[in-house]
Amino acid sequence: MKAKPTIISFSLILLLISSPAWADIYSFTAADGTVHLSNVPSDGRYTLYMRTPSENPTVSVNKPGRVNTASAENRQRYSHFVKQAAQTYNIEPALLEAVIATESGFNSNAVSPKGAVGLMQIMPDTAKRYGVSNLYDPMQNISGGAQYLSDLMQLFNNDLKLVLAAYNAGENAVIRHGNRIPPYNETIRYVPKVMGAYTKYQQM
């Protein structure tokens, strides 16, 4: 008997992603606007939505500024990837580390309630934009985040506060608000947190 694809809601993704048998997640939007998510892409309209790691990830409810106890150790572990991406995309290593510390606390398996994944908490759509196939892979995640920051630097003329606001809320949100920090509580808190971490890492 042919198995039927399992159609799941996004809330179930966060609940089931910890299963060792969990596979990649695919999605498509039907003509009526309904979004379908499945781990079995039996319909030709399905495209990859989220690639899950081969090992069981730790799902965390991440908040800006939350740092886990292993962050210092992990900072050293990922320093090579940070330096490599910083050199490639002309971003200061201290800025990349500040974003990583604020976004995930250097936890490569962090997943936010909104679906942002990995060290730099990249959304699946942003991952597709920069060719990131596995958001749980530290090198790919940092590279994708660095590319995004580099593009935002160009878009907002190196105005770091606007760049960080756009990283958190999206570039369109910043543009809609007249190239100012959007009046979102999370974004208003996020920008100075990253700026503070940036200053700290510059001095280390």
Protein backbone atom coordinates (compact mmCIF):
# COMPACT_ATOMS: atom_id res chain seq x y z
CA MET A 1 0.00 0.00 0.00
CA LYS A 2 1.34 3.41 -0.96
CA ALA A 3 2.05 5.61 2.04
CA LYS A 4 0.34 8.99 2.09
CA PRO A 5 2.49 12.07 2.65
CA THR A 6 2.32 13.55 6.10
CA ILE A 7 1.02 17.13 5.92
CA ILE A 8 2.09 19.02 9.00
CA SER A 9 1.72 22.49 10.45
CA PHE A 10 4.73 24.62 11.34
CA SER A 11 4.00 24.20 15.04
CA LEU A 12 4.51 20.47 14.59
CA ILE A 13 7.87 21.06 12.94
CA LEU A 14 9.27 22.39 16.20
CA LEU A 15 7.75 19.51 18.15
CA LEU A 16 8.83 16.72 15.81
CA ILE A 17 12.16 17.97 14.55
CA SER A 18 13.87 16.29 17.49
CA SER A 19 12.84 12.85 16.25
CA PRO A 20 15.83 10.77 15.02
CA ALA A 21 13.74 9.71 12.01
CA TRP A 22 12.85 13.25 11.03
CA ALA A 23 13.67 14.16 7.44
CA ASP A 24 13.88 17.28 5.31
CA ILE A 25 10.75 19.43 5.18
CA TYR A 26 9.11 20.46 1.90
CA SER A 27 6.40 23.01 1.18
CA PHE A 28 4.13 24.40 -1.49
CA THR A 29 1.32 26.96 -1.56
CA ALA A 30 -1.96 25.80 -3.11
CA ALA A 31 -4.13 27.94 -5.38
CA ASP A 32 -6.38 28.84 -2.45
CA GLY A 33 -3.41 30.13 -0.46
CA THR A 34 -3.12 27.10 1.83
CA VAL A 35 0.49 26.28 2.69
CA HIS A 36 1.29 22.56 2.76
CA LEU A 37 4.29 21.16 4.61
CA SER A 38 5.41 17.56 4.32
CA ASN A 39 8.36 15.29 4.92
CA VAL A 40 7.36 13.29 1.82
CA PRO A 41 7.51 15.47 -1.35
CA SER A 42 5.15 13.28 -3.38
CA ASP A 43 3.65 16.24 -5.25
CA GLY A 44 5.71 17.95 -7.94
CA ARG A 45 4.89 21.33 -6.45
CA TYR A 46 6.85 20.66 -3.28
CA THR A 47 10.18 22.47 -2.86
CA LEU A 48 12.68 22.17 -0.04
CA TYR A 49 11.60 24.36 2.89
CA MET A 50 14.02 23.32 5.63
CA ARG A 51 16.89 20.84 5.65
CA THR A 52 17.27 19.03 8.96
CA PRO A 53 20.57 17.67 10.20
CA SER A 54 21.50 14.00 10.18
CA GLU A 55 21.95 14.12 13.94
CA ASN A 56 19.24 15.02 16.40
CA PRO A 57 19.35 18.82 16.91
CA THR A 58 18.71 20.59 20.17
CA VAL A 59 15.66 22.77 19.68
CA SER A 60 15.83 25.95 21.71
CA VAL A 61 13.32 28.72 22.19
CA ASN A 62 15.82 31.44 21.49
CA LYS A 63 15.52 35.09 22.45
CA PRO A 64 17.88 37.92 21.47
CA GLY A 65 20.77 38.07 23.90
CA ARG A 66 20.30 34.59 25.32
CA VAL A 67 23.71 32.97 25.81
CA ASN A 68 24.25 29.32 26.77
CA THR A 69 26.92 28.14 29.18
CA ALA A 70 29.06 26.70 26.39
CA SER A 71 29.20 29.97 24.43
CA ALA A 72 32.83 30.80 25.27
CA GLU A 73 34.02 27.35 24.28
CA ASN A 74 31.93 27.38 21.12
CA ARG A 75 33.22 30.82 20.20
CA GLN A 76 36.69 29.33 19.95
CA ARG A 77 35.35 26.31 18.07
CA TYR A 78 33.81 28.48 15.35
CA SER A 79 36.49 31.18 15.22
CA HIS A 80 38.05 29.77 12.04
CA PHE A 81 34.72 29.94 10.19
CA VAL A 82 34.13 33.46 11.50
CA LYS A 83 37.53 34.69 10.31
CA GLN A 84 37.10 32.99 6.94
CA ALA A 85 33.66 34.51 6.31
CA ALA A 86 34.79 37.91 7.61
CA GLN A 87 37.66 38.00 5.14
CA THR A 88 35.55 36.75 2.23
CA TYR A 89 32.70 39.23 2.71
CA ASN A 90 34.63 42.15 4.23
CA ILE A 91 32.85 42.03 7.59
CA GLU A 92 34.63 42.53 10.90
CA PRO A 93 35.00 39.25 12.82
CA ALA A 94 33.87 41.08 15.96
CA LEU A 95 30.60 42.02 14.27
CA LEU A 96 29.92 38.45 13.17
CA GLU A 97 30.65 37.21 16.69
CA ALA A 98 28.39 39.88 18.17
CA VAL A 99 25.50 38.82 15.95
CA ILE A 100 26.11 35.14 16.70
CA ALA A 101 26.31 35.77 20.46
CA THR A 102 23.08 37.76 20.43
CA GLU A 103 21.19 35.50 18.07
CA SER A 104 22.09 32.03 19.32
CA GLY A 105 24.66 32.24 22.11
CA PHE A 106 27.01 30.29 19.79
CA ASN A 107 24.59 27.37 19.72
CA SER A 108 24.67 25.91 16.20
CA ASN A 109 21.47 23.92 16.86
CA ALA A 110 19.37 26.88 18.03
CA VAL A 111 15.91 27.19 16.47
CA SER A 112 13.67 30.19 17.15
CA PRO A 113 9.86 30.03 17.42
CA LYS A 114 9.71 31.84 14.06
CA GLY A 115 11.85 29.21 12.33
CA ALA A 116 15.24 30.94 12.28
CA VAL A 117 18.00 28.35 12.49
CA GLY A 118 21.59 28.00 13.60
CA LEU A 119 24.37 30.26 14.80
CA MET A 120 23.19 33.39 12.99
CA GLN A 121 19.48 32.48 13.18
CA ILE A 122 18.86 32.53 9.45
CA MET A 123 15.36 32.11 8.06
CA PRO A 124 14.83 29.45 5.35
CA ASP A 125 14.00 32.06 2.69
CA THR A 126 17.23 33.92 3.43
CA ALA A 127 19.12 30.64 3.29
CA LYS A 128 17.77 30.00 -0.20
CA ARG A 129 18.82 33.49 -1.28
CA TYR A 130 22.43 32.78 -0.34
CA GLY A 131 22.61 29.13 -1.33
CA VAL A 132 22.76 27.74 2.21
CA SER A 133 21.59 24.14 2.04
CA ASN A 134 22.14 23.16 5.68
CA LEU A 135 21.50 25.85 8.27
CA TYR A 136 22.81 23.61 11.04
CA ASP A 137 26.24 23.50 9.43
CA PRO A 138 28.32 26.20 11.19
CA MET A 139 30.41 27.08 8.15
CA GLN A 140 27.39 27.44 5.85
CA ASN A 141 25.37 29.33 8.45
CA ILE A 142 28.12 31.84 9.19
CA SER A 143 28.85 32.28 5.49
CA GLY A 144 25.18 32.95 4.74
CA GLY A 145 24.85 35.39 7.62
CA ALA A 146 28.02 37.20 6.59
CA GLN A 147 26.77 37.54 3.00
CA TYR A 148 23.49 38.95 4.28
CA LEU A 149 25.26 41.47 6.52
CA SER A 150 27.52 42.48 3.63
CA ASP A 151 24.52 43.13 1.39
CA LEU A 152 22.81 45.11 4.16
CA MET A 153 25.96 47.19 4.61
CA GLN A 154 25.79 48.17 0.96
CA LEU A 155 22.04 48.78 1.07
CA PHE A 156 22.21 51.05 4.12
CA ASN A 157 25.53 52.77 3.37
CA ASN A 158 27.36 51.09 6.27
CA ASP A 159 24.96 52.52 8.86
CA LEU A 160 25.49 49.74 11.38
CA LYS A 161 22.37 50.44 13.44
CA LEU A 162 20.17 50.20 10.35
CA VAL A 163 22.05 47.11 9.21
CA LEU A 164 21.37 45.38 12.52
CA ALA A 165 17.75 46.51 12.54
CA ALA A 166 17.35 45.08 9.05
CA TYR A 167 19.02 41.83 10.08
CA ASN A 168 16.48 41.48 12.87
CA ALA A 169 13.31 42.85 11.27
CA GLY A 170 14.08 42.60 7.55
CA GLU A 171 15.35 45.24 5.16
CA ASN A 172 11.86 46.05 3.91
CA ALA A 173 10.76 46.97 7.44
CA VAL A 174 13.60 49.47 7.74
CA ILE A 175 12.85 50.95 4.32
CA ARG A 176 9.11 51.19 5.07
CA HIS A 177 9.93 53.23 8.17
CA GLY A 178 11.96 55.79 6.26
CA ASN A 179 15.35 54.13 6.76
CA ARG A 180 14.95 54.23 10.51
CA ILE A 181 14.91 51.52 13.14
CA PRO A 182 11.38 50.05 13.04
CA PRO A 183 9.33 50.67 16.21
CA TYR A 184 9.27 46.99 17.15
CA ASN A 185 10.12 46.17 20.77
CA GLU A 186 12.34 43.25 19.80
CA THR A 187 14.28 45.28 17.24
CA ILE A 188 14.64 48.27 19.58
CA ARG A 189 16.21 45.93 22.17
CA TYR A 190 18.19 43.95 19.62
CA VAL A 191 20.25 46.75 18.08
CA PRO A 192 21.94 48.01 21.29
CA LYS A 193 22.53 44.42 22.47
CA VAL A 194 24.47 43.61 19.33
CA MET A 195 26.28 46.96 19.45
CA GLY A 196 27.35 46.25 23.02
CA ALA A 197 28.56 42.77 22.14
CA TYR A 198 30.36 44.20 19.11
CA THR A 199 32.29 46.62 21.30
CA LYS A 200 33.19 43.79 23.68
CA TYR A 201 34.50 41.51 20.94
CA GLN A 202 36.49 44.35 19.36
CA GLN A 203 38.39 44.64 22.63
CA MET A 204 39.11 40.93 22.97
